[in-house]
Amino acid sequence: MLVCPVTKSRLYYNKETNELISLPARLAYQINDDIPVMIESEARTLDANEYEKLKDLFLK
């Protein structure tokens, strides 16, 4: 089971962007060729609007 390397929290799969999302860290980890890139410096930071949208989607 993969967890966020920063917070050790659950990751959620975002099918639209093909990324693993860490809500507590507000980071999105890319998946390249079916391999998650779990490096903090390579992750994309979620902006406030995207974070709220994903929080509503995953934490129903």
PDB file of N, CA and C in Angstrom:
ATOM      1  N   MET A   1       0.848  -1.176   0.000  1.00  0.00           N
ATOM      2  CA  MET A   1       0.000   0.000   0.000  1.00  0.00           C
ATOM      3  C   MET A   1       0.896   1.242   0.000  1.00  0.00           C
ATOM      4  N   LEU A   2       0.627   2.142  -0.900  1.00  0.00           N
ATOM      5  CA  LEU A   2       1.392   3.385  -0.970  1.00  0.00           C
ATOM      6  C   LEU A   2       0.786   4.435  -0.049  1.00  0.00           C
ATOM      7  N   VAL A   3       1.659   5.186   0.590  1.00  0.00           N
ATOM      8  CA  VAL A   3       1.237   6.323   1.404  1.00  0.00           C
ATOM      9  C   VAL A   3       2.082   7.524   1.001  1.00  0.00           C
ATOM     10  N   CYS A   4       1.630   8.691   1.389  1.00  0.00           N
ATOM     11  CA  CYS A   4       2.374   9.911   1.098  1.00  0.00           C
ATOM     12  C   CYS A   4       3.720   9.855   1.820  1.00  0.00           C
ATOM     13  N   PRO A   5       4.822  10.080   1.104  1.00  0.00           N
ATOM     14  CA  PRO A   5       6.126  10.046   1.767  1.00  0.00           C
ATOM     15  C   PRO A   5       6.345  11.205   2.744  1.00  0.00           C
ATOM     16  N   VAL A   6       5.555  12.245   2.629  1.00  0.00           N
ATOM     17  CA  VAL A   6       5.697  13.413   3.507  1.00  0.00           C
ATOM     18  C   VAL A   6       4.907  13.218   4.793  1.00  0.00           C
ATOM     19  N   THR A   7       3.614  12.867   4.660  1.00  0.00           N
ATOM     20  CA  THR A   7       2.727  12.790   5.823  1.00  0.00           C
ATOM     21  C   THR A   7       2.405  11.368   6.266  1.00  0.00           C
ATOM     22  N   LYS A   8       2.750  10.397   5.456  1.00  0.00           N
ATOM     23  CA  LYS A   8       2.419   8.976   5.706  1.00  0.00           C
ATOM     24  C   LYS A   8       0.913   8.747   5.718  1.00  0.00           C
ATOM     25  N   SER A   9       0.184   9.629   5.041  1.00  0.00           N
ATOM     26  CA  SER A   9      -1.273   9.518   4.990  1.00  0.00           C
ATOM     27  C   SER A   9      -1.714   8.832   3.701  1.00  0.00           C
ATOM     28  N   ARG A  10      -2.983   8.514   3.661  1.00  0.00           N
ATOM     29  CA  ARG A  10      -3.596   7.848   2.516  1.00  0.00           C
ATOM     30  C   ARG A  10      -3.459   8.694   1.254  1.00  0.00           C
ATOM     31  N   LEU A  11      -3.331   8.009   0.120  1.00  0.00           N
ATOM     32  CA  LEU A  11      -3.311   8.666  -1.181  1.00  0.00           C
ATOM     33  C   LEU A  11      -4.587   8.315  -1.925  1.00  0.00           C
ATOM     34  N   TYR A  12      -5.080   9.250  -2.699  1.00  0.00           N
ATOM     35  CA  TYR A  12      -6.284   9.059  -3.502  1.00  0.00           C
ATOM     36  C   TYR A  12      -5.903   9.154  -4.968  1.00  0.00           C
ATOM     37  N   TYR A  13      -6.468   8.265  -5.785  1.00  0.00           N
ATOM     38  CA  TYR A  13      -6.165   8.269  -7.214  1.00  0.00           C
ATOM     39  C   TYR A  13      -7.109   9.224  -7.937  1.00  0.00           C
ATOM     40  N   ASN A  14      -6.532  10.179  -8.650  1.00  0.00           N
ATOM     41  CA  ASN A  14      -7.307  11.102  -9.474  1.00  0.00           C
ATOM     42  C   ASN A  14      -7.220  10.611 -10.912  1.00  0.00           C
ATOM     43  N   LYS A  15      -8.308  10.016 -11.370  1.00  0.00           N
ATOM     44  CA  LYS A  15      -8.355   9.420 -12.699  1.00  0.00           C
ATOM     45  C   LYS A  15      -8.192  10.464 -13.804  1.00  0.00           C
ATOM     46  N   GLU A  16      -8.721  11.665 -13.585  1.00  0.00           N
ATOM     47  CA  GLU A  16      -8.670  12.719 -14.600  1.00  0.00           C
ATOM     48  C   GLU A  16      -7.243  13.166 -14.909  1.00  0.00           C
ATOM     49  N   THR A  17      -6.398  13.228 -13.882  1.00  0.00           N
ATOM     50  CA  THR A  17      -5.033  13.717 -14.068  1.00  0.00           C
ATOM     51  C   THR A  17      -3.986  12.609 -13.970  1.00  0.00           C
ATOM     52  N   ASN A  18      -4.419  11.381 -13.655  1.00  0.00           N
ATOM     53  CA  ASN A  18      -3.522  10.241 -13.482  1.00  0.00           C
ATOM     54  C   ASN A  18      -2.451  10.562 -12.430  1.00  0.00           C
ATOM     55  N   GLU A  19      -2.929  11.005 -11.268  1.00  0.00           N
ATOM     56  CA  GLU A  19      -2.044  11.374 -10.170  1.00  0.00           C
ATOM     57  C   GLU A  19      -2.541  10.760  -8.871  1.00  0.00           C
ATOM     58  N   LEU A  20      -1.629  10.590  -7.936  1.00  0.00           N
ATOM     59  CA  LEU A  20      -1.980  10.210  -6.572  1.00  0.00           C
ATOM     60  C   LEU A  20      -1.989  11.476  -5.730  1.00  0.00           C
ATOM     61  N   ILE A  21      -3.079  11.691  -5.013  1.00  0.00           N
ATOM     62  CA  ILE A  21      -3.299  12.934  -4.280  1.00  0.00           C
ATOM     63  C   ILE A  21      -3.128  12.702  -2.785  1.00  0.00           C
ATOM     64  N   SER A  22      -2.314  13.550  -2.166  1.00  0.00           N
ATOM     65  CA  SER A  22      -2.188  13.583  -0.712  1.00  0.00           C
ATOM     66  C   SER A  22      -2.874  14.857  -0.238  1.00  0.00           C
ATOM     67  N   LEU A  23      -4.051  14.704   0.356  1.00  0.00           N
ATOM     68  CA  LEU A  23      -4.782  15.880   0.824  1.00  0.00           C
ATOM     69  C   LEU A  23      -4.071  16.580   1.982  1.00  0.00           C
ATOM     70  N   PRO A  24      -3.569  15.871   3.006  1.00  0.00           N
ATOM     71  CA  PRO A  24      -2.892  16.582   4.105  1.00  0.00           C
ATOM     72  C   PRO A  24      -1.658  17.360   3.649  1.00  0.00           C
ATOM     73  N   ALA A  25      -0.921  16.836   2.685  1.00  0.00           N
ATOM     74  CA  ALA A  25       0.285  17.523   2.195  1.00  0.00           C
ATOM     75  C   ALA A  25      -0.040  18.505   1.073  1.00  0.00           C
ATOM     76  N   ARG A  26      -1.260  18.406   0.538  1.00  0.00           N
ATOM     77  CA  ARG A  26      -1.689  19.231  -0.609  1.00  0.00           C
ATOM     78  C   ARG A  26      -0.738  19.058  -1.791  1.00  0.00           C
ATOM     79  N   LEU A  27      -0.420  17.772  -2.060  1.00  0.00           N
ATOM     80  CA  LEU A  27       0.489  17.435  -3.149  1.00  0.00           C
ATOM     81  C   LEU A  27      -0.157  16.419  -4.086  1.00  0.00           C
ATOM     82  N   ALA A  28       0.253  16.479  -5.352  1.00  0.00           N
ATOM     83  CA  ALA A  28      -0.181  15.517  -6.360  1.00  0.00           C
ATOM     84  C   ALA A  28       1.064  14.867  -6.953  1.00  0.00           C
ATOM     85  N   TYR A  29       1.125  13.549  -6.857  1.00  0.00           N
ATOM     86  CA  TYR A  29       2.264  12.789  -7.364  1.00  0.00           C
ATOM     87  C   TYR A  29       1.901  12.203  -8.727  1.00  0.00           C
ATOM     88  N   GLN A  30       2.728  12.452  -9.720  1.00  0.00           N
ATOM     89  CA  GLN A  30       2.501  11.941 -11.065  1.00  0.00           C
ATOM     90  C   GLN A  30       2.678  10.428 -11.112  1.00  0.00           C
ATOM     91  N   ILE A  31       2.011   9.817 -12.086  1.00  0.00           N
ATOM     92  CA  ILE A  31       2.217   8.412 -12.387  1.00  0.00           C
ATOM     93  C   ILE A  31       2.723   8.358 -13.825  1.00  0.00           C
ATOM     94  N   ASN A  32       3.944   7.877 -13.998  1.00  0.00           N
ATOM     95  CA  ASN A  32       4.560   7.780 -15.318  1.00  0.00           C
ATOM     96  C   ASN A  32       4.764   6.317 -15.683  1.00  0.00           C
ATOM     97  N   ASP A  33       4.196   5.900 -16.810  1.00  0.00           N
ATOM     98  CA  ASP A  33       4.317   4.501 -17.254  1.00  0.00           C
ATOM     99  C   ASP A  33       3.912   3.530 -16.149  1.00  0.00           C
ATOM    100  N   ASP A  34       2.800   3.836 -15.484  1.00  0.00           N
ATOM    101  CA  ASP A  34       2.239   3.017 -14.403  1.00  0.00           C
ATOM    102  C   ASP A  34       3.112   2.967 -13.147  1.00  0.00           C
ATOM    103  N   ILE A  35       4.075   3.872 -13.038  1.00  0.00           N
ATOM    104  CA  ILE A  35       4.948   3.924 -11.857  1.00  0.00           C
ATOM    105  C   ILE A  35       4.761   5.269 -11.161  1.00  0.00           C
ATOM    106  N   PRO A  36       4.292   5.270  -9.912  1.00  0.00           N
ATOM    107  CA  PRO A  36       4.136   6.530  -9.178  1.00  0.00           C
ATOM    108  C   PRO A  36       5.498   7.152  -8.861  1.00  0.00           C
ATOM    109  N   VAL A  37       5.603   8.438  -9.102  1.00  0.00           N
ATOM    110  CA  VAL A  37       6.822   9.181  -8.776  1.00  0.00           C
ATOM    111  C   VAL A  37       6.601   9.795  -7.400  1.00  0.00           C
ATOM    112  N   MET A  38       7.129   9.130  -6.376  1.00  0.00           N
ATOM    113  CA  MET A  38       6.845   9.493  -4.987  1.00  0.00           C
ATOM    114  C   MET A  38       7.966  10.335  -4.381  1.00  0.00           C
ATOM    115  N   ILE A  39       8.415  11.320  -5.120  1.00  0.00           N
ATOM    116  CA  ILE A  39       9.479  12.216  -4.671  1.00  0.00           C
ATOM    117  C   ILE A  39       8.853  13.584  -4.412  1.00  0.00           C
ATOM    118  N   GLU A  40       9.005  14.078  -3.211  1.00  0.00           N
ATOM    119  CA  GLU A  40       8.347  15.332  -2.817  1.00  0.00           C
ATOM    120  C   GLU A  40       8.698  16.483  -3.759  1.00  0.00           C
ATOM    121  N   SER A  41       9.948  16.589  -4.148  1.00  0.00           N
ATOM    122  CA  SER A  41      10.363  17.695  -5.016  1.00  0.00           C
ATOM    123  C   SER A  41       9.793  17.579  -6.426  1.00  0.00           C
ATOM    124  N   GLU A  42       9.333  16.401  -6.808  1.00  0.00           N
ATOM    125  CA  GLU A  42       8.730  16.183  -8.134  1.00  0.00           C
ATOM    126  C   GLU A  42       7.206  16.359  -8.100  1.00  0.00           C
ATOM    127  N   ALA A  43       6.633  16.438  -6.905  1.00  0.00           N
ATOM    128  CA  ALA A  43       5.176  16.535  -6.770  1.00  0.00           C
ATOM    129  C   ALA A  43       4.692  17.942  -7.105  1.00  0.00           C
ATOM    130  N   ARG A  44       3.444  17.990  -7.529  1.00  0.00           N
ATOM    131  CA  ARG A  44       2.801  19.258  -7.859  1.00  0.00           C
ATOM    132  C   ARG A  44       1.989  19.708  -6.645  1.00  0.00           C
ATOM    133  N   THR A  45       2.093  20.981  -6.304  1.00  0.00           N
ATOM    134  CA  THR A  45       1.327  21.534  -5.187  1.00  0.00           C
ATOM    135  C   THR A  45      -0.089  21.859  -5.644  1.00  0.00           C
ATOM    136  N   LEU A  46      -1.065  21.466  -4.831  1.00  0.00           N
ATOM    137  CA  LEU A  46      -2.468  21.757  -5.138  1.00  0.00           C
ATOM    138  C   LEU A  46      -2.796  23.181  -4.708  1.00  0.00           C
ATOM    139  N   ASP A  47      -3.442  23.935  -5.601  1.00  0.00           N
ATOM    140  CA  ASP A  47      -3.876  25.271  -5.197  1.00  0.00           C
ATOM    141  C   ASP A  47      -5.149  25.146  -4.353  1.00  0.00           C
ATOM    142  N   ALA A  48      -5.572  26.229  -3.742  1.00  0.00           N
ATOM    143  CA  ALA A  48      -6.697  26.199  -2.797  1.00  0.00           C
ATOM    144  C   ALA A  48      -7.988  25.705  -3.437  1.00  0.00           C
ATOM    145  N   ASN A  49      -8.297  26.159  -4.647  1.00  0.00           N
ATOM    146  CA  ASN A  49      -9.528  25.731  -5.317  1.00  0.00           C
ATOM    147  C   ASN A  49      -9.500  24.247  -5.653  1.00  0.00           C
ATOM    148  N   GLU A  50      -8.371  23.781  -6.181  1.00  0.00           N
ATOM    149  CA  GLU A  50      -8.243  22.367  -6.531  1.00  0.00           C
ATOM    150  C   GLU A  50      -8.305  21.498  -5.273  1.00  0.00           C
ATOM    151  N   TYR A  51      -7.659  21.957  -4.208  1.00  0.00           N
ATOM    152  CA  TYR A  51      -7.697  21.223  -2.945  1.00  0.00           C
ATOM    153  C   TYR A  51      -9.136  21.053  -2.454  1.00  0.00           C
ATOM    154  N   GLU A  52      -9.917  22.119  -2.464  1.00  0.00           N
ATOM    155  CA  GLU A  52     -11.310  22.053  -1.999  1.00  0.00           C
ATOM    156  C   GLU A  52     -12.136  21.113  -2.870  1.00  0.00           C
ATOM    157  N   LYS A  53     -11.937  21.166  -4.169  1.00  0.00           N
ATOM    158  CA  LYS A  53     -12.664  20.299  -5.090  1.00  0.00           C
ATOM    159  C   LYS A  53     -12.329  18.833  -4.817  1.00  0.00           C
ATOM    160  N   LEU A  54     -11.038  18.533  -4.667  1.00  0.00           N
ATOM    161  CA  LEU A  54     -10.622  17.153  -4.424  1.00  0.00           C
ATOM    162  C   LEU A  54     -11.035  16.680  -3.040  1.00  0.00           C
ATOM    163  N   LYS A  55     -10.992  17.549  -2.060  1.00  0.00           N
ATOM    164  CA  LYS A  55     -11.440  17.190  -0.714  1.00  0.00           C
ATOM    165  C   LYS A  55     -12.914  16.795  -0.736  1.00  0.00           C
ATOM    166  N   ASP A  56     -13.707  17.575  -1.439  1.00  0.00           N
ATOM    167  CA  ASP A  56     -15.136  17.257  -1.557  1.00  0.00           C
ATOM    168  C   ASP A  56     -15.354  15.938  -2.293  1.00  0.00           C
ATOM    169  N   LEU A  57     -14.533  15.670  -3.290  1.00  0.00           N
ATOM    170  CA  LEU A  57     -14.661  14.444  -4.091  1.00  0.00           C
ATOM    171  C   LEU A  57     -14.265  13.213  -3.285  1.00  0.00           C
ATOM    172  N   PHE A  58     -13.130  13.263  -2.610  1.00  0.00           N
ATOM    173  CA  PHE A  58     -12.599  12.080  -1.943  1.00  0.00           C
ATOM    174  C   PHE A  58     -13.083  11.875  -0.515  1.00  0.00           C
ATOM    175  N   LEU A  59     -13.499  12.924   0.155  1.00  0.00           N
ATOM    176  CA  LEU A  59     -13.902  12.816   1.563  1.00  0.00           C
ATOM    177  C   LEU A  59     -15.401  12.974   1.753  1.00  0.00           C
ATOM    178  N   LYS A  60     -16.161  12.375   0.884  1.00  0.00           N
ATOM    179  CA  LYS A  60     -17.628  12.452   0.968  1.00  0.00           C
ATOM    180  C   LYS A  60     -18.139  11.853   2.244  1.00  0.00           C
TER     181      LYS A  60
END
